[in-house]
């Protein structure tokens, strides 16, 4: 009996995230199981203000560095064979993946 698997992906690089999603989509198309997603979740923005050097006695100058974290959720009805194939997916270093069986 197939179980439901919820795959959560997040990364600061959208291109690497799309690459992993396309690999998952290829596995799903090849095996013929049902898939919902990828559902984009709100992008998280981390902003860090840093004082420019040298600031000395004059006006303070600030630089703002920003990092965006993009998240996606995919729901699939997976059996053991599909889950084994998902474990072999090449995941770049900056993409984090979490698989939860429901």
N, C-alpha and C. Protein backbone atom coordinates (compact mmCIF):
# COMPACT_ATOMS: atom_id res chain seq x y z
N UNK A 1 0.84 -1.17 0.00
CA UNK A 1 0.00 0.00 0.00
C UNK A 1 0.89 1.24 0.00
N UNK A 2 0.68 2.15 -0.95
CA UNK A 2 1.54 3.33 -0.99
C UNK A 2 1.23 4.28 0.15
N UNK A 3 2.28 4.86 0.69
CA UNK A 3 2.13 5.85 1.75
C UNK A 3 2.37 7.24 1.15
N UNK A 4 2.00 8.23 1.90
CA UNK A 4 2.23 9.60 1.46
C UNK A 4 3.56 10.08 2.03
N UNK A 5 4.31 10.76 1.19
CA UNK A 5 5.58 11.33 1.62
C UNK A 5 5.53 12.83 1.36
N UNK A 6 5.91 13.60 2.35
CA UNK A 6 6.00 15.06 2.20
C UNK A 6 7.48 15.42 2.18
N UNK A 7 7.90 16.04 1.08
CA UNK A 7 9.30 16.42 0.90
C UNK A 7 9.39 17.93 1.06
N UNK A 8 10.19 18.36 2.01
CA UNK A 8 10.43 19.79 2.21
C UNK A 8 11.84 20.11 1.73
N UNK A 9 11.94 21.14 0.90
CA UNK A 9 13.22 21.56 0.35
C UNK A 9 13.42 23.04 0.67
N UNK A 10 14.65 23.42 1.03
CA UNK A 10 14.94 24.84 1.19
C UNK A 10 16.39 25.11 0.85
N UNK A 11 16.62 26.30 0.30
CA UNK A 11 17.96 26.68 -0.15
C UNK A 11 18.03 28.18 -0.34
N UNK A 12 19.24 28.71 -0.34
CA UNK A 12 19.44 30.12 -0.64
C UNK A 12 19.65 30.32 -2.14
N UNK A 13 19.85 29.23 -2.88
CA UNK A 13 20.08 29.30 -4.32
C UNK A 13 18.88 28.68 -5.05
N UNK A 14 18.14 29.50 -5.79
CA UNK A 14 16.92 29.03 -6.46
C UNK A 14 17.24 28.03 -7.57
N UNK A 15 18.34 28.24 -8.29
CA UNK A 15 18.68 27.34 -9.40
C UNK A 15 18.97 25.93 -8.92
N UNK A 16 19.70 25.79 -7.81
CA UNK A 16 19.97 24.46 -7.26
C UNK A 16 18.68 23.81 -6.75
N UNK A 17 17.81 24.62 -6.18
CA UNK A 17 16.52 24.11 -5.69
C UNK A 17 15.68 23.59 -6.85
N UNK A 18 15.64 24.31 -7.95
CA UNK A 18 14.90 23.89 -9.13
C UNK A 18 15.50 22.63 -9.73
N UNK A 19 16.83 22.51 -9.70
CA UNK A 19 17.52 21.32 -10.20
C UNK A 19 17.07 20.07 -9.44
N UNK A 20 17.00 20.14 -8.13
CA UNK A 20 16.58 18.98 -7.32
C UNK A 20 15.11 18.67 -7.57
N UNK A 21 14.27 19.70 -7.69
CA UNK A 21 12.84 19.49 -7.96
C UNK A 21 12.64 18.81 -9.30
N UNK A 22 13.42 19.20 -10.31
CA UNK A 22 13.31 18.55 -11.63
C UNK A 22 13.74 17.09 -11.58
N UNK A 23 14.74 16.76 -10.76
CA UNK A 23 15.13 15.36 -10.60
C UNK A 23 14.02 14.55 -9.95
N UNK A 24 13.36 15.13 -8.93
CA UNK A 24 12.26 14.44 -8.27
C UNK A 24 11.10 14.26 -9.24
N UNK A 25 10.82 15.30 -10.03
CA UNK A 25 9.73 15.23 -11.01
C UNK A 25 10.01 14.15 -12.06
N UNK A 26 11.27 13.99 -12.46
CA UNK A 26 11.62 12.95 -13.44
C UNK A 26 11.37 11.56 -12.87
N UNK A 27 11.69 11.35 -11.60
CA UNK A 27 11.44 10.06 -10.95
C UNK A 27 9.94 9.79 -10.89
N UNK A 28 9.16 10.81 -10.53
CA UNK A 28 7.71 10.66 -10.41
C UNK A 28 7.10 10.36 -11.78
N UNK A 29 7.55 11.05 -12.83
CA UNK A 29 7.01 10.80 -14.17
C UNK A 29 7.36 9.39 -14.66
N UNK A 30 8.56 8.94 -14.32
CA UNK A 30 9.00 7.62 -14.77
C UNK A 30 8.23 6.51 -14.07
N UNK A 31 7.93 6.69 -12.78
CA UNK A 31 7.23 5.63 -12.04
C UNK A 31 5.72 5.74 -12.15
N UNK A 32 5.20 6.91 -12.50
CA UNK A 32 3.77 7.05 -12.69
C UNK A 32 2.96 7.24 -11.42
N UNK A 33 3.56 7.73 -10.36
CA UNK A 33 2.81 7.98 -9.12
C UNK A 33 2.29 9.41 -9.13
N UNK A 34 1.37 9.71 -8.22
CA UNK A 34 0.79 11.05 -8.18
C UNK A 34 1.67 11.99 -7.36
N UNK A 35 1.68 13.27 -7.79
CA UNK A 35 2.53 14.27 -7.14
C UNK A 35 1.77 15.58 -7.05
N UNK A 36 1.86 16.24 -5.91
CA UNK A 36 1.32 17.60 -5.74
C UNK A 36 2.48 18.52 -5.44
N UNK A 37 2.60 19.56 -6.23
CA UNK A 37 3.67 20.52 -5.95
C UNK A 37 4.59 20.66 -7.13
N UNK A 38 5.64 21.35 -7.02
CA UNK A 38 6.16 21.97 -5.81
C UNK A 38 5.35 23.20 -5.41
N UNK A 39 5.00 23.27 -4.14
CA UNK A 39 4.24 24.38 -3.59
C UNK A 39 5.24 25.37 -3.00
N UNK A 40 5.32 26.60 -3.54
CA UNK A 40 6.27 27.56 -2.99
C UNK A 40 5.75 28.14 -1.68
N UNK A 41 6.59 28.11 -0.67
CA UNK A 41 6.27 28.73 0.61
C UNK A 41 6.89 30.13 0.64
N UNK A 42 6.48 30.98 1.57
CA UNK A 42 7.03 32.34 1.60
C UNK A 42 8.55 32.34 1.75
N UNK A 43 9.19 33.24 1.00
CA UNK A 43 10.65 33.36 1.03
C UNK A 43 11.04 34.13 2.28
N UNK A 44 12.01 33.60 3.00
CA UNK A 44 12.49 34.24 4.22
C UNK A 44 13.69 35.11 3.88
N UNK A 45 13.66 36.35 4.32
CA UNK A 45 14.76 37.28 4.06
C UNK A 45 15.51 37.53 5.35
N UNK A 46 16.81 37.25 5.34
CA UNK A 46 17.67 37.55 6.47
C UNK A 46 18.52 38.75 6.07
N UNK A 47 18.40 39.85 6.80
CA UNK A 47 19.11 41.08 6.47
C UNK A 47 20.04 41.44 7.62
N UNK A 48 21.31 41.72 7.29
CA UNK A 48 22.30 42.05 8.30
C UNK A 48 22.91 43.41 7.95
N UNK A 49 22.69 44.45 8.79
CA UNK A 49 23.34 45.73 8.55
C UNK A 49 24.76 45.71 9.13
N UNK A 50 25.72 46.17 8.33
CA UNK A 50 27.13 46.19 8.75
C UNK A 50 27.67 47.60 8.52
N UNK A 51 28.39 48.12 9.52
CA UNK A 51 28.96 49.44 9.38
C UNK A 51 30.17 49.41 8.47
N UNK A 52 30.21 50.33 7.49
CA UNK A 52 31.35 50.39 6.56
C UNK A 52 32.57 50.94 7.29
N UNK A 53 33.70 50.40 6.96
CA UNK A 53 34.94 50.90 7.54
C UNK A 53 35.69 51.69 6.49
N UNK A 54 36.49 52.67 6.78
CA UNK A 54 36.60 53.29 8.10
C UNK A 54 35.51 54.34 8.29
N UNK A 55 34.86 54.32 9.43
CA UNK A 55 33.81 55.30 9.66
C UNK A 55 34.32 56.49 10.46
N UNK A 56 35.39 56.33 11.23
CA UNK A 56 36.06 57.45 11.90
C UNK A 56 35.11 58.31 12.72
N UNK A 57 35.30 59.62 12.65
CA UNK A 57 34.50 60.57 13.43
C UNK A 57 33.32 61.12 12.65
N UNK A 58 33.28 60.88 11.34
CA UNK A 58 32.25 61.48 10.51
C UNK A 58 30.93 60.73 10.57
N UNK A 59 30.20 60.79 9.47
CA UNK A 59 28.90 60.13 9.40
C UNK A 59 29.09 58.62 9.35
N UNK A 60 28.14 57.92 9.90
CA UNK A 60 28.21 56.46 9.86
C UNK A 60 27.59 55.96 8.57
N UNK A 61 28.30 55.12 7.86
CA UNK A 61 27.81 54.53 6.61
C UNK A 61 27.52 53.05 6.87
N UNK A 62 26.39 52.59 6.35
CA UNK A 62 25.97 51.22 6.56
C UNK A 62 25.84 50.48 5.24
N UNK A 63 26.25 49.22 5.25
CA UNK A 63 26.01 48.29 4.15
C UNK A 63 24.98 47.28 4.64
N UNK A 64 24.10 46.85 3.76
CA UNK A 64 23.12 45.84 4.15
C UNK A 64 23.34 44.60 3.30
N UNK A 65 23.59 43.49 3.97
CA UNK A 65 23.74 42.19 3.31
C UNK A 65 22.45 41.43 3.52
N UNK A 66 22.01 40.76 2.45
CA UNK A 66 20.74 40.06 2.52
C UNK A 66 20.88 38.64 1.97
N UNK A 67 20.23 37.71 2.64
CA UNK A 67 20.19 36.33 2.15
C UNK A 67 18.72 35.90 2.13
N UNK A 68 18.29 35.36 1.01
CA UNK A 68 16.92 34.87 0.87
C UNK A 68 16.93 33.35 0.95
N UNK A 69 16.00 32.82 1.73
CA UNK A 69 15.86 31.37 1.85
C UNK A 69 14.55 30.97 1.18
N UNK A 70 14.65 30.21 0.09
CA UNK A 70 13.49 29.78 -0.68
C UNK A 70 13.08 28.38 -0.23
N UNK A 71 11.77 28.17 -0.07
CA UNK A 71 11.26 26.89 0.42
C UNK A 71 10.23 26.34 -0.54
N UNK A 72 10.20 25.02 -0.67
CA UNK A 72 9.20 24.33 -1.49
C UNK A 72 8.73 23.07 -0.75
N UNK A 73 7.49 22.68 -1.01
CA UNK A 73 6.92 21.45 -0.44
C UNK A 73 6.36 20.62 -1.58
N UNK A 74 6.67 19.31 -1.56
CA UNK A 74 6.16 18.38 -2.56
C UNK A 74 5.50 17.22 -1.82
N UNK A 75 4.29 16.86 -2.22
CA UNK A 75 3.59 15.70 -1.66
C UNK A 75 3.51 14.63 -2.75
N UNK A 76 3.97 13.42 -2.42
CA UNK A 76 3.87 12.31 -3.37
C UNK A 76 3.31 11.10 -2.65
N UNK A 77 2.68 10.21 -3.40
CA UNK A 77 2.26 8.93 -2.84
C UNK A 77 3.33 7.93 -3.26
N UNK A 78 4.15 7.55 -2.31
CA UNK A 78 5.36 6.80 -2.64
C UNK A 78 5.33 5.40 -2.03
N UNK A 79 5.87 4.45 -2.78
CA UNK A 79 6.10 3.12 -2.24
C UNK A 79 7.60 2.98 -1.98
N UNK A 80 8.00 1.79 -1.58
CA UNK A 80 9.40 1.57 -1.18
C UNK A 80 10.37 1.76 -2.35
N UNK A 81 9.96 1.35 -3.54
CA UNK A 81 10.83 1.45 -4.72
C UNK A 81 11.11 2.92 -5.06
N UNK A 82 10.07 3.75 -4.99
CA UNK A 82 10.23 5.18 -5.29
C UNK A 82 11.08 5.86 -4.23
N UNK A 83 10.89 5.48 -2.97
CA UNK A 83 11.67 6.09 -1.89
C UNK A 83 13.15 5.76 -2.05
N UNK A 84 13.47 4.56 -2.50
CA UNK A 84 14.89 4.22 -2.75
C UNK A 84 15.48 5.09 -3.84
N UNK A 85 14.69 5.35 -4.88
CA UNK A 85 15.18 6.21 -5.96
C UNK A 85 15.34 7.65 -5.49
N UNK A 86 14.45 8.11 -4.60
CA UNK A 86 14.58 9.46 -4.07
C UNK A 86 15.83 9.62 -3.21
N UNK A 87 16.22 8.56 -2.54
CA UNK A 87 17.43 8.62 -1.70
C UNK A 87 18.69 8.77 -2.56
N UNK A 88 18.62 8.38 -3.82
CA UNK A 88 19.80 8.45 -4.70
C UNK A 88 19.90 9.78 -5.45
N UNK A 89 18.94 10.68 -5.24
CA UNK A 89 18.95 11.97 -5.94
C UNK A 89 20.17 12.78 -5.50
N UNK A 90 20.86 13.35 -6.49
CA UNK A 90 22.03 14.19 -6.18
C UNK A 90 21.55 15.54 -5.67
N UNK A 91 21.93 15.85 -4.44
CA UNK A 91 21.51 17.10 -3.80
C UNK A 91 22.75 17.98 -3.62
N UNK A 92 22.75 19.20 -4.20
CA UNK A 92 23.88 20.11 -4.00
C UNK A 92 24.05 20.47 -2.52
N UNK A 93 25.22 21.01 -2.19
CA UNK A 93 25.54 21.30 -0.79
C UNK A 93 24.60 22.30 -0.14
N UNK A 94 24.15 23.29 -0.90
CA UNK A 94 23.35 24.35 -0.29
C UNK A 94 21.84 24.09 -0.33
N UNK A 95 21.43 22.90 -0.73
CA UNK A 95 20.02 22.52 -0.72
C UNK A 95 19.80 21.53 0.42
N UNK A 96 18.83 21.84 1.25
CA UNK A 96 18.49 20.97 2.38
C UNK A 96 17.17 20.29 2.08
N UNK A 97 17.09 19.00 2.38
CA UNK A 97 15.92 18.21 2.04
C UNK A 97 15.49 17.44 3.27
N UNK A 98 14.17 17.37 3.47
CA UNK A 98 13.61 16.65 4.60
C UNK A 98 12.43 15.84 4.08
N UNK A 99 12.44 14.53 4.32
CA UNK A 99 11.38 13.65 3.83
C UNK A 99 10.61 13.13 5.05
N UNK A 100 9.31 13.33 5.04
CA UNK A 100 8.46 12.89 6.14
C UNK A 100 7.39 11.96 5.60
N UNK A 101 7.27 10.77 6.16
CA UNK A 101 6.24 9.82 5.77
C UNK A 101 4.99 10.07 6.59
N UNK A 102 3.86 10.22 5.89
CA UNK A 102 2.60 10.54 6.58
C UNK A 102 1.70 9.32 6.55
